[in-house]
């Protein structure tokens, strides 16, 4: 599964600097494992939504059902240094609380959500 098809693979470019983000937008992105091209405009909107929400949620049907949430962790200077993720079957009860786990990761790491 390509990193860009995961929550962490969306969080890292969403919170990167403008030059790094533009470099991501300039490359041809494809979903995985479906291998469907993602137009740059659609990707730009998706990354903006990740920034707005403060985390990325990905639901995949293949190769097996999976829901993953990832959240950015900042270093002391405010730069996103990591994007830990948790995953589970998407049909689990209380998936809303699962989605909030990205924010819990941030809070317990001592990091504030990126601005």
PDB file of N, CA and C in Angstrom:
ATOM      1  N   UNK A   1       0.850  -1.175   0.000  1.00  0.00           N
ATOM      2  CA  UNK A   1       0.000   0.000   0.000  1.00  0.00           C
ATOM      3  C   UNK A   1       0.894   1.236   0.000  1.00  0.00           C
ATOM      4  N   UNK A   2       0.748   2.108  -0.973  1.00  0.00           N
ATOM      5  CA  UNK A   2       1.571   3.321  -1.012  1.00  0.00           C
ATOM      6  C   UNK A   2       1.299   4.212   0.200  1.00  0.00           C
ATOM      7  N   UNK A   3       2.326   4.848   0.724  1.00  0.00           N
ATOM      8  CA  UNK A   3       2.181   5.712   1.889  1.00  0.00           C
ATOM      9  C   UNK A   3       1.124   6.775   1.646  1.00  0.00           C
ATOM     10  N   UNK A   4       1.050   7.314   0.433  1.00  0.00           N
ATOM     11  CA  UNK A   4       0.089   8.379   0.156  1.00  0.00           C
ATOM     12  C   UNK A   4      -1.357   7.910   0.306  1.00  0.00           C
ATOM     13  N   UNK A   5      -1.576   6.612   0.381  1.00  0.00           N
ATOM     14  CA  UNK A   5      -2.917   6.064   0.548  1.00  0.00           C
ATOM     15  C   UNK A   5      -3.258   5.816   2.006  1.00  0.00           C
ATOM     16  N   UNK A   6      -2.417   6.279   2.902  1.00  0.00           N
ATOM     17  CA  UNK A   6      -2.631   6.088   4.330  1.00  0.00           C
ATOM     18  C   UNK A   6      -2.875   7.439   4.996  1.00  0.00           C
ATOM     19  N   UNK A   7      -3.358   7.393   6.223  1.00  0.00           N
ATOM     20  CA  UNK A   7      -3.545   8.630   6.976  1.00  0.00           C
ATOM     21  C   UNK A   7      -2.245   9.383   7.160  1.00  0.00           C
ATOM     22  N   UNK A   8      -1.190   8.677   7.529  1.00  0.00           N
ATOM     23  CA  UNK A   8       0.114   9.332   7.732  1.00  0.00           C
ATOM     24  C   UNK A   8       0.613   9.948   6.431  1.00  0.00           C
ATOM     25  N   UNK A   9       0.383   9.260   5.324  1.00  0.00           N
ATOM     26  CA  UNK A   9       0.819   9.764   4.031  1.00  0.00           C
ATOM     27  C   UNK A   9       0.041  10.979   3.576  1.00  0.00           C
ATOM     28  N   UNK A  10      -1.110  11.241   4.181  1.00  0.00           N
ATOM     29  CA  UNK A  10      -1.862  12.458   3.894  1.00  0.00           C
ATOM     30  C   UNK A  10      -1.515  13.570   4.870  1.00  0.00           C
ATOM     31  N   UNK A  11      -1.281  13.212   6.132  1.00  0.00           N
ATOM     32  CA  UNK A  11      -0.956  14.227   7.150  1.00  0.00           C
ATOM     33  C   UNK A  11       0.371  14.907   6.833  1.00  0.00           C
ATOM     34  N   UNK A  12       1.375  14.133   6.479  1.00  0.00           N
ATOM     35  CA  UNK A  12       2.707  14.730   6.272  1.00  0.00           C
ATOM     36  C   UNK A  12       2.708  15.804   5.187  1.00  0.00           C
ATOM     37  N   UNK A  13       2.164  15.564   3.986  1.00  0.00           N
ATOM     38  CA  UNK A  13       2.147  16.658   3.013  1.00  0.00           C
ATOM     39  C   UNK A  13       1.157  17.769   3.373  1.00  0.00           C
ATOM     40  N   UNK A  14       0.061  17.430   4.056  1.00  0.00           N
ATOM     41  CA  UNK A  14      -0.924  18.454   4.417  1.00  0.00           C
ATOM     42  C   UNK A  14      -0.322  19.519   5.328  1.00  0.00           C
ATOM     43  N   UNK A  15       0.601  19.110   6.199  1.00  0.00           N
ATOM     44  CA  UNK A  15       1.186  20.040   7.156  1.00  0.00           C
ATOM     45  C   UNK A  15       2.628  20.407   6.810  1.00  0.00           C
ATOM     46  N   UNK A  16       3.068  20.077   5.609  1.00  0.00           N
ATOM     47  CA  UNK A  16       4.435  20.422   5.201  1.00  0.00           C
ATOM     48  C   UNK A  16       4.473  21.871   4.727  1.00  0.00           C
ATOM     49  N   UNK A  17       5.665  22.359   4.485  1.00  0.00           N
ATOM     50  CA  UNK A  17       5.828  23.706   3.962  1.00  0.00           C
ATOM     51  C   UNK A  17       5.273  23.806   2.554  1.00  0.00           C
ATOM     52  N   UNK A  18       5.103  25.028   2.089  1.00  0.00           N
ATOM     53  CA  UNK A  18       4.469  25.219   0.780  1.00  0.00           C
ATOM     54  C   UNK A  18       5.282  24.601  -0.358  1.00  0.00           C
ATOM     55  N   UNK A  19       6.606  24.679  -0.295  1.00  0.00           N
ATOM     56  CA  UNK A  19       7.430  24.100  -1.369  1.00  0.00           C
ATOM     57  C   UNK A  19       7.296  22.579  -1.392  1.00  0.00           C
ATOM     58  N   UNK A  20       7.323  21.949  -0.211  1.00  0.00           N
ATOM     59  CA  UNK A  20       7.183  20.498  -0.144  1.00  0.00           C
ATOM     60  C   UNK A  20       5.787  20.069  -0.596  1.00  0.00           C
ATOM     61  N   UNK A  21       4.782  20.839  -0.189  1.00  0.00           N
ATOM     62  CA  UNK A  21       3.424  20.494  -0.582  1.00  0.00           C
ATOM     63  C   UNK A  21       3.258  20.632  -2.093  1.00  0.00           C
ATOM     64  N   UNK A  22       3.817  21.678  -2.683  1.00  0.00           N
ATOM     65  CA  UNK A  22       3.717  21.850  -4.129  1.00  0.00           C
ATOM     66  C   UNK A  22       4.418  20.713  -4.860  1.00  0.00           C
ATOM     67  N   UNK A  23       5.558  20.261  -4.330  1.00  0.00           N
ATOM     68  CA  UNK A  23       6.262  19.129  -4.942  1.00  0.00           C
ATOM     69  C   UNK A  23       5.371  17.885  -4.931  1.00  0.00           C
ATOM     70  N   UNK A  24       4.613  17.684  -3.864  1.00  0.00           N
ATOM     71  CA  UNK A  24       3.677  16.549  -3.805  1.00  0.00           C
ATOM     72  C   UNK A  24       2.568  16.718  -4.831  1.00  0.00           C
ATOM     73  N   UNK A  25       2.065  17.931  -4.964  1.00  0.00           N
ATOM     74  CA  UNK A  25       0.975  18.181  -5.908  1.00  0.00           C
ATOM     75  C   UNK A  25       1.436  18.037  -7.351  1.00  0.00           C
ATOM     76  N   UNK A  26       2.715  18.311  -7.600  1.00  0.00           N
ATOM     77  CA  UNK A  26       3.251  18.225  -8.959  1.00  0.00           C
ATOM     78  C   UNK A  26       3.453  16.780  -9.418  1.00  0.00           C
ATOM     79  N   UNK A  27       3.550  15.853  -8.468  1.00  0.00           N
ATOM     80  CA  UNK A  27       3.706  14.439  -8.840  1.00  0.00           C
ATOM     81  C   UNK A  27       2.352  13.809  -9.096  1.00  0.00           C
ATOM     82  N   UNK A  28       2.337  12.785  -9.886  1.00  0.00           N
ATOM     83  CA  UNK A  28       1.096  12.051 -10.156  1.00  0.00           C
ATOM     84  C   UNK A  28       0.796  11.162  -8.947  1.00  0.00           C
ATOM     85  N   UNK A  29      -0.277  11.457  -8.248  1.00  0.00           N
ATOM     86  CA  UNK A  29      -0.698  10.641  -7.113  1.00  0.00           C
ATOM     87  C   UNK A  29      -1.754   9.667  -7.569  1.00  0.00           C
ATOM     88  N   UNK A  30      -1.672   8.470  -7.015  1.00  0.00           N
ATOM     89  CA  UNK A  30      -2.645   7.423  -7.318  1.00  0.00           C
ATOM     90  C   UNK A  30      -3.072   6.798  -6.003  1.00  0.00           C
ATOM     91  N   UNK A  31      -4.329   6.400  -5.940  1.00  0.00           N
ATOM     92  CA  UNK A  31      -4.792   5.704  -4.752  1.00  0.00           C
ATOM     93  C   UNK A  31      -4.216   4.305  -4.749  1.00  0.00           C
ATOM     94  N   UNK A  32      -4.195   3.692  -3.627  1.00  0.00           N
ATOM     95  CA  UNK A  32      -3.743   2.314  -3.538  1.00  0.00           C
ATOM     96  C   UNK A  32      -4.697   1.559  -2.654  1.00  0.00           C
ATOM     97  N   UNK A  33      -4.951   0.339  -2.905  1.00  0.00           N
ATOM     98  CA  UNK A  33      -4.418  -0.506  -3.959  1.00  0.00           C
ATOM     99  C   UNK A  33      -5.171  -0.380  -5.275  1.00  0.00           C
ATOM    100  N   UNK A  34      -6.193   0.503  -5.331  1.00  0.00           N
ATOM    101  CA  UNK A  34      -6.988   0.626  -6.549  1.00  0.00           C
ATOM    102  C   UNK A  34      -6.195   1.196  -7.725  1.00  0.00           C
ATOM    103  N   UNK A  35      -5.160   1.988  -7.446  1.00  0.00           N
ATOM    104  CA  UNK A  35      -4.289   2.579  -8.460  1.00  0.00           C
ATOM    105  C   UNK A  35      -5.056   3.522  -9.387  1.00  0.00           C
ATOM    106  N   UNK A  36      -5.920   4.347  -8.802  1.00  0.00           N
ATOM    107  CA  UNK A  36      -6.699   5.330  -9.546  1.00  0.00           C
ATOM    108  C   UNK A  36      -6.005   6.686  -9.413  1.00  0.00           C
ATOM    109  N   UNK A  37      -5.812   7.412 -10.519  1.00  0.00           N
ATOM    110  CA  UNK A  37      -5.164   8.725 -10.429  1.00  0.00           C
ATOM    111  C   UNK A  37      -5.998   9.715  -9.613  1.00  0.00           C
ATOM    112  N   UNK A  38      -5.306  10.566  -8.867  1.00  0.00           N
ATOM    113  CA  UNK A  38      -5.964  11.619  -8.096  1.00  0.00           C
ATOM    114  C   UNK A  38      -5.589  12.946  -8.743  1.00  0.00           C
ATOM    115  N   UNK A  39      -6.558  13.679  -9.293  1.00  0.00           N
ATOM    116  CA  UNK A  39      -6.250  14.973  -9.889  1.00  0.00           C
ATOM    117  C   UNK A  39      -5.682  15.938  -8.835  1.00  0.00           C
ATOM    118  N   UNK A  40      -4.776  16.824  -9.253  1.00  0.00           N
ATOM    119  CA  UNK A  40      -4.118  17.745  -8.326  1.00  0.00           C
ATOM    120  C   UNK A  40      -5.125  18.599  -7.559  1.00  0.00           C
ATOM    121  N   UNK A  41      -6.183  19.060  -8.217  1.00  0.00           N
ATOM    122  CA  UNK A  41      -7.186  19.875  -7.534  1.00  0.00           C
ATOM    123  C   UNK A  41      -7.897  19.112  -6.431  1.00  0.00           C
ATOM    124  N   UNK A  42      -8.206  17.848  -6.704  1.00  0.00           N
ATOM    125  CA  UNK A  42      -8.853  16.992  -5.704  1.00  0.00           C
ATOM    126  C   UNK A  42      -7.906  16.739  -4.533  1.00  0.00           C
ATOM    127  N   UNK A  43      -6.646  16.496  -4.838  1.00  0.00           N
ATOM    128  CA  UNK A  43      -5.663  16.275  -3.786  1.00  0.00           C
ATOM    129  C   UNK A  43      -5.489  17.540  -2.948  1.00  0.00           C
ATOM    130  N   UNK A  44      -5.435  18.688  -3.585  1.00  0.00           N
ATOM    131  CA  UNK A  44      -5.293  19.962  -2.862  1.00  0.00           C
ATOM    132  C   UNK A  44      -6.454  20.130  -1.885  1.00  0.00           C
ATOM    133  N   UNK A  45      -7.679  19.817  -2.322  1.00  0.00           N
ATOM    134  CA  UNK A  45      -8.850  19.923  -1.450  1.00  0.00           C
ATOM    135  C   UNK A  45      -8.774  18.923  -0.295  1.00  0.00           C
ATOM    136  N   UNK A  46      -8.321  17.719  -0.591  1.00  0.00           N
ATOM    137  CA  UNK A  46      -8.213  16.694   0.455  1.00  0.00           C
ATOM    138  C   UNK A  46      -7.193  17.102   1.517  1.00  0.00           C
ATOM    139  N   UNK A  47      -6.056  17.645   1.089  1.00  0.00           N
ATOM    140  CA  UNK A  47      -5.034  18.072   2.052  1.00  0.00           C
ATOM    141  C   UNK A  47      -5.530  19.261   2.871  1.00  0.00           C
ATOM    142  N   UNK A  48      -6.288  20.162   2.253  1.00  0.00           N
ATOM    143  CA  UNK A  48      -6.867  21.292   2.993  1.00  0.00           C
ATOM    144  C   UNK A  48      -7.847  20.791   4.052  1.00  0.00           C
ATOM    145  N   UNK A  49      -8.607  19.754   3.710  1.00  0.00           N
ATOM    146  CA  UNK A  49      -9.548  19.179   4.676  1.00  0.00           C
ATOM    147  C   UNK A  49      -8.801  18.518   5.836  1.00  0.00           C
ATOM    148  N   UNK A  50      -7.693  17.850   5.551  1.00  0.00           N
ATOM    149  CA  UNK A  50      -6.872  17.256   6.612  1.00  0.00           C
ATOM    150  C   UNK A  50      -6.376  18.357   7.546  1.00  0.00           C
ATOM    151  N   UNK A  51      -5.906  19.460   6.988  1.00  0.00           N
ATOM    152  CA  UNK A  51      -5.446  20.580   7.826  1.00  0.00           C
ATOM    153  C   UNK A  51      -6.597  21.148   8.655  1.00  0.00           C
ATOM    154  N   UNK A  52      -7.756  21.309   8.045  1.00  0.00           N
ATOM    155  CA  UNK A  52      -8.903  21.876   8.760  1.00  0.00           C
ATOM    156  C   UNK A  52      -9.331  20.985   9.932  1.00  0.00           C
ATOM    157  N   UNK A  53      -9.370  19.665   9.684  1.00  0.00           N
ATOM    158  CA  UNK A  53      -9.797  18.727  10.726  1.00  0.00           C
ATOM    159  C   UNK A  53      -8.703  18.447  11.751  1.00  0.00           C
ATOM    160  N   UNK A  54      -7.443  18.604  11.336  1.00  0.00           N
ATOM    161  CA  UNK A  54      -6.334  18.321  12.245  1.00  0.00           C
ATOM    162  C   UNK A  54      -5.905  16.868  12.252  1.00  0.00           C
ATOM    163  N   UNK A  55      -6.515  16.047  11.402  1.00  0.00           N
ATOM    164  CA  UNK A  55      -6.128  14.646  11.298  1.00  0.00           C
ATOM    165  C   UNK A  55      -6.648  14.112   9.962  1.00  0.00           C
ATOM    166  N   UNK A  56      -6.162  12.948   9.582  1.00  0.00           N
ATOM    167  CA  UNK A  56      -6.620  12.300   8.348  1.00  0.00           C
ATOM    168  C   UNK A  56      -7.278  10.983   8.708  1.00  0.00           C
ATOM    169  N   UNK A  57      -8.403  10.713   8.064  1.00  0.00           N
ATOM    170  CA  UNK A  57      -9.094   9.445   8.231  1.00  0.00           C
ATOM    171  C   UNK A  57      -9.189   8.787   6.868  1.00  0.00           C
ATOM    172  N   UNK A  58      -8.769   7.535   6.793  1.00  0.00           N
ATOM    173  CA  UNK A  58      -8.804   6.796   5.531  1.00  0.00           C
ATOM    174  C   UNK A  58      -9.577   5.504   5.763  1.00  0.00           C
ATOM    175  N   UNK A  59     -10.514   5.233   4.881  1.00  0.00           N
ATOM    176  CA  UNK A  59     -11.268   3.975   4.927  1.00  0.00           C
ATOM    177  C   UNK A  59     -11.003   3.253   3.611  1.00  0.00           C
ATOM    178  N   UNK A  60     -10.555   2.022   3.707  1.00  0.00           N
ATOM    179  CA  UNK A  60     -10.227   1.213   2.531  1.00  0.00           C
ATOM    180  C   UNK A  60     -10.993  -0.099   2.584  1.00  0.00           C
ATOM    181  N   UNK A  61     -11.428  -0.544   1.415  1.00  0.00           N
ATOM    182  CA  UNK A  61     -12.105  -1.841   1.323  1.00  0.00           C
ATOM    183  C   UNK A  61     -11.130  -2.951   0.952  1.00  0.00           C
ATOM    184  N   UNK A  62     -10.032  -2.594   0.262  1.00  0.00           N
ATOM    185  CA  UNK A  62      -9.069  -3.585  -0.190  1.00  0.00           C
ATOM    186  C   UNK A  62      -7.690  -3.208   0.295  1.00  0.00           C
ATOM    187  N   UNK A  63      -6.796  -4.092   0.534  1.00  0.00           N
ATOM    188  CA  UNK A  63      -6.913  -5.535   0.406  1.00  0.00           C
ATOM    189  C   UNK A  63      -7.802  -6.156   1.473  1.00  0.00           C
ATOM    190  N   UNK A  64      -8.099  -5.450   2.537  1.00  0.00           N
ATOM    191  CA  UNK A  64      -9.041  -5.873   3.557  1.00  0.00           C
ATOM    192  C   UNK A  64      -9.630  -4.612   4.156  1.00  0.00           C
ATOM    193  N   UNK A  65     -10.838  -4.684   4.721  1.00  0.00           N
ATOM    194  CA  UNK A  65     -11.446  -3.477   5.270  1.00  0.00           C
ATOM    195  C   UNK A  65     -10.581  -2.885   6.380  1.00  0.00           C
ATOM    196  N   UNK A  66     -10.341  -1.601   6.298  1.00  0.00           N
ATOM    197  CA  UNK A  66      -9.495  -0.919   7.279  1.00  0.00           C
ATOM    198  C   UNK A  66      -9.892   0.533   7.383  1.00  0.00           C
ATOM    199  N   UNK A  67      -9.952   1.038   8.605  1.00  0.00           N
ATOM    200  CA  UNK A  67     -10.109   2.461   8.862  1.00  0.00           C
ATOM    201  C   UNK A  67      -8.878   2.882   9.637  1.00  0.00           C
ATOM    202  N   UNK A  68      -8.248   3.952   9.177  1.00  0.00           N
ATOM    203  CA  UNK A  68      -7.044   4.432   9.839  1.00  0.00           C
ATOM    204  C   UNK A  68      -7.177   5.923  10.086  1.00  0.00           C
ATOM    205  N   UNK A  69      -6.661   6.375  11.203  1.00  0.00           N
ATOM    206  CA  UNK A  69      -6.632   7.799  11.509  1.00  0.00           C
ATOM    207  C   UNK A  69      -5.205   8.161  11.899  1.00  0.00           C
ATOM    208  N   UNK A  70      -4.735   9.291  11.400  1.00  0.00           N
ATOM    209  CA  UNK A  70      -3.384   9.758  11.704  1.00  0.00           C
ATOM    210  C   UNK A  70      -3.458  11.226  12.074  1.00  0.00           C
ATOM    211  N   UNK A  71      -2.566  11.643  12.946  1.00  0.00           N
ATOM    212  CA  UNK A  71      -2.522  13.035  13.385  1.00  0.00           C
ATOM    213  C   UNK A  71      -1.080  13.517  13.401  1.00  0.00           C
ATOM    214  N   UNK A  72      -0.880  14.800  13.120  1.00  0.00           N
ATOM    215  CA  UNK A  72       0.481  15.339  13.122  1.00  0.00           C
ATOM    216  C   UNK A  72       1.003  15.566  14.532  1.00  0.00           C
ATOM    217  N   UNK A  73       2.282  15.320  14.695  1.00  0.00           N
ATOM    218  CA  UNK A  73       2.984  15.616  15.942  1.00  0.00           C
ATOM    219  C   UNK A  73       4.065  16.630  15.606  1.00  0.00           C
ATOM    220  N   UNK A  74       4.081  17.739  16.340  1.00  0.00           N
ATOM    221  CA  UNK A  74       5.045  18.798  16.076  1.00  0.00           C
ATOM    222  C   UNK A  74       6.265  18.674  16.970  1.00  0.00           C
ATOM    223  N   UNK A  75       7.404  19.129  16.436  1.00  0.00           N
ATOM    224  CA  UNK A  75       8.602  19.224  17.267  1.00  0.00           C
ATOM    225  C   UNK A  75       8.524  20.537  18.050  1.00  0.00           C
ATOM    226  N   UNK A  76       9.546  20.835  18.821  1.00  0.00           N
ATOM    227  CA  UNK A  76       9.569  22.035  19.651  1.00  0.00           C
ATOM    228  C   UNK A  76       9.443  23.322  18.867  1.00  0.00           C
ATOM    229  N   UNK A  77       9.812  23.301  17.604  1.00  0.00           N
ATOM    230  CA  UNK A  77       9.736  24.496  16.768  1.00  0.00           C
ATOM    231  C   UNK A  77       8.432  24.629  16.006  1.00  0.00           C
ATOM    232  N   UNK A  78       7.513  23.705  16.185  1.00  0.00           N
ATOM    233  CA  UNK A  78       6.224  23.773  15.510  1.00  0.00           C
ATOM    234  C   UNK A  78       6.177  23.078  14.165  1.00  0.00           C
ATOM    235  N   UNK A  79       7.274  22.434  13.760  1.00  0.00           N
ATOM    236  CA  UNK A  79       7.305  21.697  12.500  1.00  0.00           C
ATOM    237  C   UNK A  79       6.756  20.294  12.726  1.00  0.00           C
ATOM    238  N   UNK A  80       5.929  19.828  11.813  1.00  0.00           N
ATOM    239  CA  UNK A  80       5.397  18.467  11.937  1.00  0.00           C
ATOM    240  C   UNK A  80       6.543  17.489  11.725  1.00  0.00           C
ATOM    241  N   UNK A  81       6.778  16.664  12.738  1.00  0.00           N
ATOM    242  CA  UNK A  81       7.904  15.742  12.720  1.00  0.00           C
ATOM    243  C   UNK A  81       7.474  14.292  12.550  1.00  0.00           C
ATOM    244  N   UNK A  82       6.205  14.000  12.795  1.00  0.00           N
ATOM    245  CA  UNK A  82       5.724  12.626  12.711  1.00  0.00           C
ATOM    246  C   UNK A  82       4.217  12.632  12.507  1.00  0.00           C
ATOM    247  N   UNK A  83       3.702  11.496  12.081  1.00  0.00           N
ATOM    248  CA  UNK A  83       2.261  11.341  11.887  1.00  0.00           C
ATOM    249  C   UNK A  83       1.857   9.936  12.318  1.00  0.00           C
ATOM    250  N   UNK A  84       1.821   9.675  13.630  1.00  0.00           N
ATOM    251  CA  UNK A  84       1.420   8.339  14.070  1.00  0.00           C
ATOM    252  C   UNK A  84      -0.019   8.050  13.672  1.00  0.00           C
ATOM    253  N   UNK A  85      -0.289   6.794  13.424  1.00  0.00           N
ATOM    254  CA  UNK A  85      -1.614   6.375  12.989  1.00  0.00           C
ATOM    255  C   UNK A  85      -2.052   5.139  13.759  1.00  0.00           C
ATOM    256  N   UNK A  86      -3.352   4.995  13.883  1.00  0.00           N
ATOM    257  CA  UNK A  86      -3.950   3.790  14.446  1.00  0.00           C
ATOM    258  C   UNK A  86      -4.959   3.279  13.431  1.00  0.00           C
ATOM    259  N   UNK A  87      -5.188   1.979  13.431  1.00  0.00           N
ATOM    260  CA  UNK A  87      -6.112   1.404  12.465  1.00  0.00           C
ATOM    261  C   UNK A  87      -6.941   0.295  13.060  1.00  0.00           C
ATOM    262  N   UNK A  88      -8.107   0.072  12.450  1.00  0.00           N
ATOM    263  CA  UNK A  88      -9.000  -0.985  12.892  1.00  0.00           C
ATOM    264  C   UNK A  88     -10.010  -1.254  11.790  1.00  0.00           C
ATOM    265  N   UNK A  89     -10.816  -2.259  11.990  1.00  0.00           N
ATOM    266  CA  UNK A  89     -11.899  -2.540  11.040  1.00  0.00           C
ATOM    267  C   UNK A  89     -12.876  -1.375  11.069  1.00  0.00           C
ATOM    268  N   UNK A  90     -13.355  -0.897   9.904  1.00  0.00           N
ATOM    269  CA  UNK A  90     -14.205   0.291   9.881  1.00  0.00           C
ATOM    270  C   UNK A  90     -15.585   0.109  10.481  1.00  0.00           C
ATOM    271  N   UNK A  91     -16.060  -1.108  10.600  1.00  0.00           N
ATOM    272  CA  UNK A  91     -17.407  -1.334  11.107  1.00  0.00           C
ATOM    273  C   UNK A  91     -17.472  -1.397  12.625  1.00  0.00           C
ATOM    274  N   UNK A  92     -16.365  -1.077  13.298  1.00  0.00           N
ATOM    275  CA  UNK A  92     -16.365  -1.174  14.753  1.00  0.00           C
ATOM    276  C   UNK A  92     -17.331  -0.173  15.371  1.00  0.00           C
ATOM    277  N   UNK A  93     -17.952  -0.534  16.500  1.00  0.00           N
ATOM    278  CA  UNK A  93     -18.850   0.410  17.160  1.00  0.00           C
ATOM    279  C   UNK A  93     -18.052   1.607  17.676  1.00  0.00           C
ATOM    280  N   UNK A  94     -18.681   2.738  17.709  1.00  0.00           N
ATOM    281  CA  UNK A  94     -18.015   3.922  18.259  1.00  0.00           C
ATOM    282  C   UNK A  94     -16.924   4.465  17.371  1.00  0.00           C
ATOM    283  N   UNK A  95     -17.072   4.373  16.046  1.00  0.00           N
ATOM    284  CA  UNK A  95     -16.011   4.836  15.161  1.00  0.00           C
ATOM    285  C   UNK A  95     -15.742   6.327  15.323  1.00  0.00           C
ATOM    286  N   UNK A  96     -16.718   7.085  15.844  1.00  0.00           N
ATOM    287  CA  UNK A  96     -16.481   8.501  16.120  1.00  0.00           C
ATOM    288  C   UNK A  96     -15.386   8.671  17.157  1.00  0.00           C
ATOM    289  N   UNK A  97     -15.404   7.834  18.187  1.00  0.00           N
ATOM    290  CA  UNK A  97     -14.344   7.925  19.197  1.00  0.00           C
ATOM    291  C   UNK A  97     -13.021   7.446  18.618  1.00  0.00           C
ATOM    292  N   UNK A  98     -13.071   6.499  17.694  1.00  0.00           N
ATOM    293  CA  UNK A  98     -11.846   6.056  17.029  1.00  0.00           C
ATOM    294  C   UNK A  98     -11.236   7.203  16.243  1.00  0.00           C
ATOM    295  N   UNK A  99     -12.076   7.958  15.551  1.00  0.00           N
ATOM    296  CA  UNK A  99     -11.604   9.093  14.761  1.00  0.00           C
ATOM    297  C   UNK A  99     -10.946  10.131  15.663  1.00  0.00           C
ATOM    298  N   UNK A 100     -11.482  10.328  16.843  1.00  0.00           N
ATOM    299  CA  UNK A 100     -10.909  11.301  17.785  1.00  0.00           C
ATOM    300  C   UNK A 100      -9.583  10.833  18.369  1.00  0.00           C
ATOM    301  N   UNK A 101      -9.229   9.566  18.161  1.00  0.00           N
ATOM    302  CA  UNK A 101      -7.972   9.068  18.720  1.00  0.00           C
ATOM    303  C   UNK A 101      -6.772   9.817  18.164  1.00  0.00           C
ATOM    304  N   UNK A 102      -6.877  10.347  16.950  1.00  0.00           N
ATOM    305  CA  UNK A 102      -5.784  11.160  16.407  1.00  0.00           C
ATOM    306  C   UNK A 102      -5.527  12.376  17.272  1.00  0.00           C
ATOM    307  N   UNK A 103      -6.595  12.985  17.761  1.00  0.00           N
ATOM    308  CA  UNK A 103      -6.432  14.144  18.632  1.00  0.00           C
ATOM    309  C   UNK A 103      -5.884  13.732  20.000  1.00  0.00           C
ATOM    310  N   UNK A 104      -6.247  12.548  20.454  1.00  0.00           N
ATOM    311  CA  UNK A 104      -5.706  12.036  21.724  1.00  0.00           C
ATOM    312  C   UNK A 104      -4.201  11.825  21.600  1.00  0.00           C
ATOM    313  N   UNK A 105      -3.765  11.285  20.462  1.00  0.00           N
ATOM    314  CA  UNK A 105      -2.324  11.104  20.233  1.00  0.00           C
ATOM    315  C   UNK A 105      -1.614  12.443  20.359  1.00  0.00           C
ATOM    316  N   UNK A 106      -2.163  13.475  19.741  1.00  0.00           N
ATOM    317  CA  UNK A 106      -1.554  14.802  19.817  1.00  0.00           C
ATOM    318  C   UNK A 106      -1.472  15.278  21.261  1.00  0.00           C
ATOM    319  N   UNK A 107      -2.587  15.189  21.963  1.00  0.00           N
ATOM    320  CA  UNK A 107      -2.660  15.718  23.331  1.00  0.00           C
ATOM    321  C   UNK A 107      -1.668  15.012  24.254  1.00  0.00           C
ATOM    322  N   UNK A 108      -1.576  13.697  24.168  1.00  0.00           N
ATOM    323  CA  UNK A 108      -0.688  12.954  25.053  1.00  0.00           C
ATOM    324  C   UNK A 108       0.777  13.087  24.686  1.00  0.00           C
ATOM    325  N   UNK A 109       1.036  13.542  23.478  1.00  0.00           N
ATOM    326  CA  UNK A 109       2.441  13.761  23.097  1.00  0.00           C
ATOM    327  C   UNK A 109       2.915  15.141  23.555  1.00  0.00           C
ATOM    328  N   UNK A 110       1.980  15.935  24.058  1.00  0.00           N
ATOM    329  CA  UNK A 110       2.319  17.286  24.457  1.00  0.00           C
ATOM    330  C   UNK A 110       2.288  18.258  23.290  1.00  0.00           C
ATOM    331  N   UNK A 111       1.860  17.795  22.131  1.00  0.00           N
ATOM    332  CA  UNK A 111       1.829  18.646  20.950  1.00  0.00           C
ATOM    333  C   UNK A 111       0.461  19.286  20.799  1.00  0.00           C
ATOM    334  N   UNK A 112       0.466  20.507  20.357  1.00  0.00           N
ATOM    335  CA  UNK A 112      -0.781  21.180  20.027  1.00  0.00           C
ATOM    336  C   UNK A 112      -1.100  20.869  18.565  1.00  0.00           C
ATOM    337  N   UNK A 113      -2.393  20.832  18.219  1.00  0.00           N
ATOM    338  CA  UNK A 113      -2.706  20.648  16.807  1.00  0.00           C
ATOM    339  C   UNK A 113      -2.062  21.750  15.971  1.00  0.00           C
ATOM    340  N   UNK A 114      -1.562  21.436  14.815  1.00  0.00           N
ATOM    341  CA  UNK A 114      -0.955  22.451  13.959  1.00  0.00           C
ATOM    342  C   UNK A 114      -1.964  23.531  13.591  1.00  0.00           C
ATOM    343  N   UNK A 115      -1.494  24.730  13.383  1.00  0.00           N
ATOM    344  CA  UNK A 115      -2.363  25.863  13.038  1.00  0.00           C
ATOM    345  C   UNK A 115      -2.309  26.127  11.562  1.00  0.00           C
TER     346      UNK A 115
END
